[in-house]
Amino acid sequence: MAANALEGLKGVLSECLRLDLDNGVLPPSLDSQVTASVVATYLQGVWRLALVDYDRPSFEQQVDTFLTGLGL
C-alpha cells in the first residue's frame, strides 16, 4: 500500500512539473520524472525525521533550500 501511495505521489508531482515545463515556468532542462522521484524521496526522509525530532523553523528552512536548489 505504501509503495502504491509513493508511486501515486511521484506521478502527481511529475505531471505538475511537466505542466509547468510546458507553460515555460520551469527551465526546459528539468526532467520532470527524475525531479518528482527526488522530491518524493526527500519527503520520505522528512516524514521520518519529523517523527524523531520536529523543529518547524528548521524544516521550513531545509525545504526552502531544497526546492530552491532544484530551481522550483
PDB file of N, CA and C in Angstrom:
ATOM      1  N   MET A   1       0.820  -1.194   0.000  1.00  0.00           N
ATOM      2  CA  MET A   1       0.000   0.000   0.000  1.00  0.00           C
ATOM      3  C   MET A   1       0.865   1.259   0.000  1.00  0.00           C
ATOM      4  N   ALA A   2       1.889   1.315   0.846  1.00  0.00           N
ATOM      5  CA  ALA A   2       2.762   2.487   0.896  1.00  0.00           C
ATOM      6  C   ALA A   2       3.492   2.677  -0.427  1.00  0.00           C
ATOM      7  N   ALA A   3       3.891   1.568  -1.052  1.00  0.00           N
ATOM      8  CA  ALA A   3       4.582   1.666  -2.339  1.00  0.00           C
ATOM      9  C   ALA A   3       3.657   2.262  -3.396  1.00  0.00           C
ATOM     10  N   ASN A   4       2.390   1.870  -3.378  1.00  0.00           N
ATOM     11  CA  ASN A   4       1.423   2.429  -4.328  1.00  0.00           C
ATOM     12  C   ASN A   4       1.218   3.918  -4.092  1.00  0.00           C
ATOM     13  N   ALA A   5       1.164   4.317  -2.827  1.00  0.00           N
ATOM     14  CA  ALA A   5       0.997   5.732  -2.497  1.00  0.00           C
ATOM     15  C   ALA A   5       2.200   6.534  -2.979  1.00  0.00           C
ATOM     16  N   LEU A   6       3.395   5.980  -2.799  1.00  0.00           N
ATOM     17  CA  LEU A   6       4.608   6.669  -3.239  1.00  0.00           C
ATOM     18  C   LEU A   6       4.627   6.806  -4.759  1.00  0.00           C
ATOM     19  N   GLU A   7       4.245   5.752  -5.456  1.00  0.00           N
ATOM     20  CA  GLU A   7       4.187   5.821  -6.919  1.00  0.00           C
ATOM     21  C   GLU A   7       3.143   6.845  -7.367  1.00  0.00           C
ATOM     22  N   GLY A   8       2.017   6.893  -6.661  1.00  0.00           N
ATOM     23  CA  GLY A   8       0.991   7.880  -6.974  1.00  0.00           C
ATOM     24  C   GLY A   8       1.492   9.299  -6.772  1.00  0.00           C
ATOM     25  N   LEU A   9       2.221   9.516  -5.679  1.00  0.00           N
ATOM     26  CA  LEU A   9       2.796  10.834  -5.401  1.00  0.00           C
ATOM     27  C   LEU A   9       3.778  11.231  -6.495  1.00  0.00           C
ATOM     28  N   LYS A  10       4.636  10.306  -6.884  1.00  0.00           N
ATOM     29  CA  LYS A  10       5.599  10.591  -7.953  1.00  0.00           C
ATOM     30  C   LYS A  10       4.872  10.953  -9.246  1.00  0.00           C
ATOM     31  N   GLY A  11       3.791  10.227  -9.536  1.00  0.00           N
ATOM     32  CA  GLY A  11       3.030  10.503 -10.751  1.00  0.00           C
ATOM     33  C   GLY A  11       2.405  11.883 -10.742  1.00  0.00           C
ATOM     34  N   VAL A  12       1.812  12.253  -9.621  1.00  0.00           N
ATOM     35  CA  VAL A  12       1.183  13.578  -9.499  1.00  0.00           C
ATOM     36  C   VAL A  12       2.240  14.679  -9.590  1.00  0.00           C
ATOM     37  N   LEU A  13       3.340  14.507  -8.877  1.00  0.00           N
ATOM     38  CA  LEU A  13       4.414  15.509  -8.921  1.00  0.00           C
ATOM     39  C   LEU A  13       4.967  15.648 -10.338  1.00  0.00           C
ATOM     40  N   SER A  14       5.200  14.518 -10.979  1.00  0.00           N
ATOM     41  CA  SER A  14       5.742  14.535 -12.334  1.00  0.00           C
ATOM     42  C   SER A  14       4.805  15.264 -13.291  1.00  0.00           C
ATOM     43  N   GLU A  15       3.518  15.004 -13.172  1.00  0.00           N
ATOM     44  CA  GLU A  15       2.537  15.663 -14.041  1.00  0.00           C
ATOM     45  C   GLU A  15       2.500  17.172 -13.788  1.00  0.00           C
ATOM     46  N   CYS A  16       2.531  17.577 -12.531  1.00  0.00           N
ATOM     47  CA  CYS A  16       2.540  19.015 -12.201  1.00  0.00           C
ATOM     48  C   CYS A  16       3.790  19.687 -12.760  1.00  0.00           C
ATOM     49  N   LEU A  17       4.923  19.030 -12.598  1.00  0.00           N
ATOM     50  CA  LEU A  17       6.173  19.587 -13.118  1.00  0.00           C
ATOM     51  C   LEU A  17       6.139  19.657 -14.643  1.00  0.00           C
ATOM     52  N   ARG A  18       5.600  18.623 -15.283  1.00  0.00           N
ATOM     53  CA  ARG A  18       5.513  18.615 -16.743  1.00  0.00           C
ATOM     54  C   ARG A  18       4.632  19.759 -17.248  1.00  0.00           C
ATOM     55  N   LEU A  19       3.526  20.005 -16.562  1.00  0.00           N
ATOM     56  CA  LEU A  19       2.651  21.117 -16.948  1.00  0.00           C
ATOM     57  C   LEU A  19       3.377  22.450 -16.826  1.00  0.00           C
ATOM     58  N   ASP A  20       4.144  22.613 -15.750  1.00  0.00           N
ATOM     59  CA  ASP A  20       4.912  23.849 -15.583  1.00  0.00           C
ATOM     60  C   ASP A  20       6.012  23.965 -16.637  1.00  0.00           C
ATOM     61  N   LEU A  21       6.605  22.845 -17.012  1.00  0.00           N
ATOM     62  CA  LEU A  21       7.591  22.861 -18.100  1.00  0.00           C
ATOM     63  C   LEU A  21       6.928  23.309 -19.394  1.00  0.00           C
ATOM     64  N   ASP A  22       5.770  22.727 -19.691  1.00  0.00           N
ATOM     65  CA  ASP A  22       5.040  23.068 -20.919  1.00  0.00           C
ATOM     66  C   ASP A  22       4.632  24.538 -20.953  1.00  0.00           C
ATOM     67  N   ASN A  23       4.381  25.127 -19.796  1.00  0.00           N
ATOM     68  CA  ASN A  23       3.975  26.534 -19.712  1.00  0.00           C
ATOM     69  C   ASN A  23       5.152  27.484 -19.557  1.00  0.00           C
ATOM     70  N   GLY A  24       6.374  26.955 -19.594  1.00  0.00           N
ATOM     71  CA  GLY A  24       7.566  27.790 -19.519  1.00  0.00           C
ATOM     72  C   GLY A  24       7.890  28.310 -18.134  1.00  0.00           C
ATOM     73  N   VAL A  25       7.271  27.738 -17.107  1.00  0.00           N
ATOM     74  CA  VAL A  25       7.518  28.176 -15.731  1.00  0.00           C
ATOM     75  C   VAL A  25       8.847  27.626 -15.219  1.00  0.00           C
ATOM     76  N   LEU A  26       9.205  26.440 -15.678  1.00  0.00           N
ATOM     77  CA  LEU A  26      10.440  25.781 -15.245  1.00  0.00           C
ATOM     78  C   LEU A  26      11.419  25.705 -16.411  1.00  0.00           C
ATOM     79  N   PRO A  27      12.713  25.603 -16.107  1.00  0.00           N
ATOM     80  CA  PRO A  27      13.707  25.519 -17.182  1.00  0.00           C
ATOM     81  C   PRO A  27      13.526  24.235 -18.002  1.00  0.00           C
ATOM     82  N   PRO A  28      13.701  24.314 -19.305  1.00  0.00           N
ATOM     83  CA  PRO A  28      13.488  23.156 -20.172  1.00  0.00           C
ATOM     84  C   PRO A  28      14.407  21.977 -19.854  1.00  0.00           C
ATOM     85  N   SER A  29      15.514  22.232 -19.209  1.00  0.00           N
ATOM     86  CA  SER A  29      16.460  21.159 -18.885  1.00  0.00           C
ATOM     87  C   SER A  29      15.991  20.283 -17.724  1.00  0.00           C
ATOM     88  N   LEU A  30      14.963  20.714 -17.004  1.00  0.00           N
ATOM     89  CA  LEU A  30      14.475  19.958 -15.853  1.00  0.00           C
ATOM     90  C   LEU A  30      13.766  18.689 -16.318  1.00  0.00           C
ATOM     91  N   ASP A  31      14.143  17.554 -15.759  1.00  0.00           N
ATOM     92  CA  ASP A  31      13.497  16.268 -16.056  1.00  0.00           C
ATOM     93  C   ASP A  31      12.398  16.055 -15.023  1.00  0.00           C
ATOM     94  N   SER A  32      11.148  16.111 -15.461  1.00  0.00           N
ATOM     95  CA  SER A  32      10.032  16.062 -14.513  1.00  0.00           C
ATOM     96  C   SER A  32       9.963  14.742 -13.754  1.00  0.00           C
ATOM     97  N   GLN A  33      10.264  13.629 -14.399  1.00  0.00           N
ATOM     98  CA  GLN A  33      10.187  12.332 -13.717  1.00  0.00           C
ATOM     99  C   GLN A  33      11.295  12.172 -12.684  1.00  0.00           C
ATOM    100  N   VAL A  34      12.502  12.542 -13.048  1.00  0.00           N
ATOM    101  CA  VAL A  34      13.623  12.439 -12.103  1.00  0.00           C
ATOM    102  C   VAL A  34      13.406  13.387 -10.933  1.00  0.00           C
ATOM    103  N   THR A  35      12.986  14.610 -11.221  1.00  0.00           N
ATOM    104  CA  THR A  35      12.755  15.587 -10.158  1.00  0.00           C
ATOM    105  C   THR A  35      11.643  15.121  -9.228  1.00  0.00           C
ATOM    106  N   ALA A  36      10.576  14.571  -9.770  1.00  0.00           N
ATOM    107  CA  ALA A  36       9.478  14.056  -8.939  1.00  0.00           C
ATOM    108  C   ALA A  36       9.976  12.935  -8.035  1.00  0.00           C
ATOM    109  N   SER A  37      10.818  12.078  -8.548  1.00  0.00           N
ATOM    110  CA  SER A  37      11.369  10.981  -7.753  1.00  0.00           C
ATOM    111  C   SER A  37      12.250  11.511  -6.629  1.00  0.00           C
ATOM    112  N   VAL A  38      13.071  12.509  -6.931  1.00  0.00           N
ATOM    113  CA  VAL A  38      13.945  13.110  -5.918  1.00  0.00           C
ATOM    114  C   VAL A  38      13.111  13.778  -4.824  1.00  0.00           C
ATOM    115  N   VAL A  39      12.095  14.526  -5.211  1.00  0.00           N
ATOM    116  CA  VAL A  39      11.241  15.207  -4.236  1.00  0.00           C
ATOM    117  C   VAL A  39      10.509  14.183  -3.363  1.00  0.00           C
ATOM    118  N   ALA A  40       9.998  13.121  -3.957  1.00  0.00           N
ATOM    119  CA  ALA A  40       9.295  12.091  -3.185  1.00  0.00           C
ATOM    120  C   ALA A  40      10.237  11.419  -2.188  1.00  0.00           C
ATOM    121  N   THR A  41      11.456  11.141  -2.611  1.00  0.00           N
ATOM    122  CA  THR A  41      12.444  10.536  -1.715  1.00  0.00           C
ATOM    123  C   THR A  41      12.773  11.486  -0.571  1.00  0.00           C
ATOM    124  N   TYR A  42      12.932  12.765  -0.891  1.00  0.00           N
ATOM    125  CA  TYR A  42      13.202  13.773   0.136  1.00  0.00           C
ATOM    126  C   TYR A  42      12.056  13.823   1.149  1.00  0.00           C
ATOM    127  N   LEU A  43      10.829  13.806   0.657  1.00  0.00           N
ATOM    128  CA  LEU A  43       9.668  13.850   1.552  1.00  0.00           C
ATOM    129  C   LEU A  43       9.623  12.642   2.485  1.00  0.00           C
ATOM    130  N   GLN A  44      10.004  11.484   1.972  1.00  0.00           N
ATOM    131  CA  GLN A  44      10.062  10.298   2.833  1.00  0.00           C
ATOM    132  C   GLN A  44      11.018  10.538   3.998  1.00  0.00           C
ATOM    133  N   GLY A  45      12.174  11.109   3.702  1.00  0.00           N
ATOM    134  CA  GLY A  45      13.156  11.393   4.745  1.00  0.00           C
ATOM    135  C   GLY A  45      12.654  12.420   5.741  1.00  0.00           C
ATOM    136  N   VAL A  46      11.998  13.449   5.247  1.00  0.00           N
ATOM    137  CA  VAL A  46      11.461  14.491   6.125  1.00  0.00           C
ATOM    138  C   VAL A  46      10.394  13.909   7.046  1.00  0.00           C
ATOM    139  N   TRP A  47       9.532  13.051   6.504  1.00  0.00           N
ATOM    140  CA  TRP A  47       8.493  12.437   7.335  1.00  0.00           C
ATOM    141  C   TRP A  47       9.114  11.611   8.453  1.00  0.00           C
ATOM    142  N   ARG A  48      10.150  10.860   8.109  1.00  0.00           N
ATOM    143  CA  ARG A  48      10.822  10.045   9.133  1.00  0.00           C
ATOM    144  C   ARG A  48      11.496  10.929  10.176  1.00  0.00           C
ATOM    145  N   LEU A  49      12.166  11.962   9.722  1.00  0.00           N
ATOM    146  CA  LEU A  49      12.850  12.868  10.642  1.00  0.00           C
ATOM    147  C   LEU A  49      11.852  13.563  11.557  1.00  0.00           C
ATOM    148  N   ALA A  50      10.694  13.911  11.030  1.00  0.00           N
ATOM    149  CA  ALA A  50       9.677  14.587  11.838  1.00  0.00           C
ATOM    150  C   ALA A  50       9.221  13.717  13.004  1.00  0.00           C
ATOM    151  N   LEU A  51       9.256  12.416  12.820  1.00  0.00           N
ATOM    152  CA  LEU A  51       8.868  11.513  13.905  1.00  0.00           C
ATOM    153  C   LEU A  51       9.892  11.516  15.035  1.00  0.00           C
ATOM    154  N   VAL A  52      11.132  11.810  14.709  1.00  0.00           N
ATOM    155  CA  VAL A  52      12.215  11.764  15.691  1.00  0.00           C
ATOM    156  C   VAL A  52      12.461  13.130  16.332  1.00  0.00           C
ATOM    157  N   ASP A  53      12.530  14.171  15.511  1.00  0.00           N
ATOM    158  CA  ASP A  53      12.904  15.494  16.016  1.00  0.00           C
ATOM    159  C   ASP A  53      12.232  16.563  15.165  1.00  0.00           C
ATOM    160  N   TYR A  54      11.095  17.043  15.606  1.00  0.00           N
ATOM    161  CA  TYR A  54      10.346  18.027  14.830  1.00  0.00           C
ATOM    162  C   TYR A  54      10.690  19.435  15.283  1.00  0.00           C
ATOM    163  N   ASP A  55      11.278  20.201  14.391  1.00  0.00           N
ATOM    164  CA  ASP A  55      11.607  21.604  14.633  1.00  0.00           C
ATOM    165  C   ASP A  55      11.145  22.378  13.396  1.00  0.00           C
ATOM    166  N   ARG A  56       9.936  22.928  13.461  1.00  0.00           N
ATOM    167  CA  ARG A  56       9.303  23.538  12.287  1.00  0.00           C
ATOM    168  C   ARG A  56      10.178  24.568  11.571  1.00  0.00           C
ATOM    169  N   PRO A  57      10.770  25.544  12.269  1.00  0.00           N
ATOM    170  CA  PRO A  57      11.596  26.515  11.541  1.00  0.00           C
ATOM    171  C   PRO A  57      12.747  25.854  10.777  1.00  0.00           C
ATOM    172  N   SER A  58      13.343  24.855  11.388  1.00  0.00           N
ATOM    173  CA  SER A  58      14.437  24.146  10.730  1.00  0.00           C
ATOM    174  C   SER A  58      13.936  23.410   9.489  1.00  0.00           C
ATOM    175  N   PHE A  59      12.793  22.733   9.605  1.00  0.00           N
ATOM    176  CA  PHE A  59      12.217  22.032   8.458  1.00  0.00           C
ATOM    177  C   PHE A  59      11.877  23.005   7.340  1.00  0.00           C
ATOM    178  N   GLU A  60      11.280  24.136   7.691  1.00  0.00           N
ATOM    179  CA  GLU A  60      10.907  25.117   6.675  1.00  0.00           C
ATOM    180  C   GLU A  60      12.139  25.611   5.931  1.00  0.00           C
ATOM    181  N   GLN A  61      13.215  25.855   6.655  1.00  0.00           N
ATOM    182  CA  GLN A  61      14.454  26.310   6.024  1.00  0.00           C
ATOM    183  C   GLN A  61      15.026  25.215   5.114  1.00  0.00           C
ATOM    184  N   GLN A  62      14.999  23.975   5.591  1.00  0.00           N
ATOM    185  CA  GLN A  62      15.510  22.867   4.784  1.00  0.00           C
ATOM    186  C   GLN A  62      14.696  22.681   3.510  1.00  0.00           C
ATOM    187  N   VAL A  63      13.388  22.730   3.632  1.00  0.00           N
ATOM    188  CA  VAL A  63      12.524  22.554   2.466  1.00  0.00           C
ATOM    189  C   VAL A  63      12.743  23.691   1.474  1.00  0.00           C
ATOM    190  N   ASP A  64      12.828  24.917   1.954  1.00  0.00           N
ATOM    191  CA  ASP A  64      13.056  26.064   1.086  1.00  0.00           C
ATOM    192  C   ASP A  64      14.387  25.924   0.351  1.00  0.00           C
ATOM    193  N   THR A  65      15.425  25.549   1.076  1.00  0.00           N
ATOM    194  CA  THR A  65      16.744  25.375   0.469  1.00  0.00           C
ATOM    195  C   THR A  65      16.722  24.263  -0.569  1.00  0.00           C
ATOM    196  N   PHE A  66      16.067  23.158  -0.230  1.00  0.00           N
ATOM    197  CA  PHE A  66      15.975  22.016  -1.145  1.00  0.00           C
ATOM    198  C   PHE A  66      15.268  22.405  -2.441  1.00  0.00           C
ATOM    199  N   LEU A  67      14.109  23.024  -2.328  1.00  0.00           N
ATOM    200  CA  LEU A  67      13.343  23.393  -3.518  1.00  0.00           C
ATOM    201  C   LEU A  67      14.054  24.465  -4.334  1.00  0.00           C
ATOM    202  N   THR A  68      14.689  25.408  -3.667  1.00  0.00           N
ATOM    203  CA  THR A  68      15.455  26.435  -4.372  1.00  0.00           C
ATOM    204  C   THR A  68      16.605  25.798  -5.144  1.00  0.00           C
ATOM    205  N   GLY A  69      17.250  24.831  -4.516  1.00  0.00           N
ATOM    206  CA  GLY A  69      18.341  24.118  -5.179  1.00  0.00           C
ATOM    207  C   GLY A  69      17.888  23.372  -6.425  1.00  0.00           C
ATOM    208  N   LEU A  70      16.649  22.921  -6.424  1.00  0.00           N
ATOM    209  CA  LEU A  70      16.089  22.241  -7.599  1.00  0.00           C
ATOM    210  C   LEU A  70      15.592  23.233  -8.650  1.00  0.00           C
ATOM    211  N   GLY A  71      15.593  24.505  -8.298  1.00  0.00           N
ATOM    212  CA  GLY A  71      15.093  25.513  -9.222  1.00  0.00           C
ATOM    213  C   GLY A  71      13.584  25.615  -9.230  1.00  0.00           C
ATOM    214  N   LEU A  72      12.961  25.173  -8.122  1.00  0.00           N
ATOM    215  CA  LEU A  72      11.494  25.201  -8.048  1.00  0.00           C
ATOM    216  C   LEU A  72      11.009  26.341  -7.184  1.00  0.00           C
TER     217      LEU A  72
END
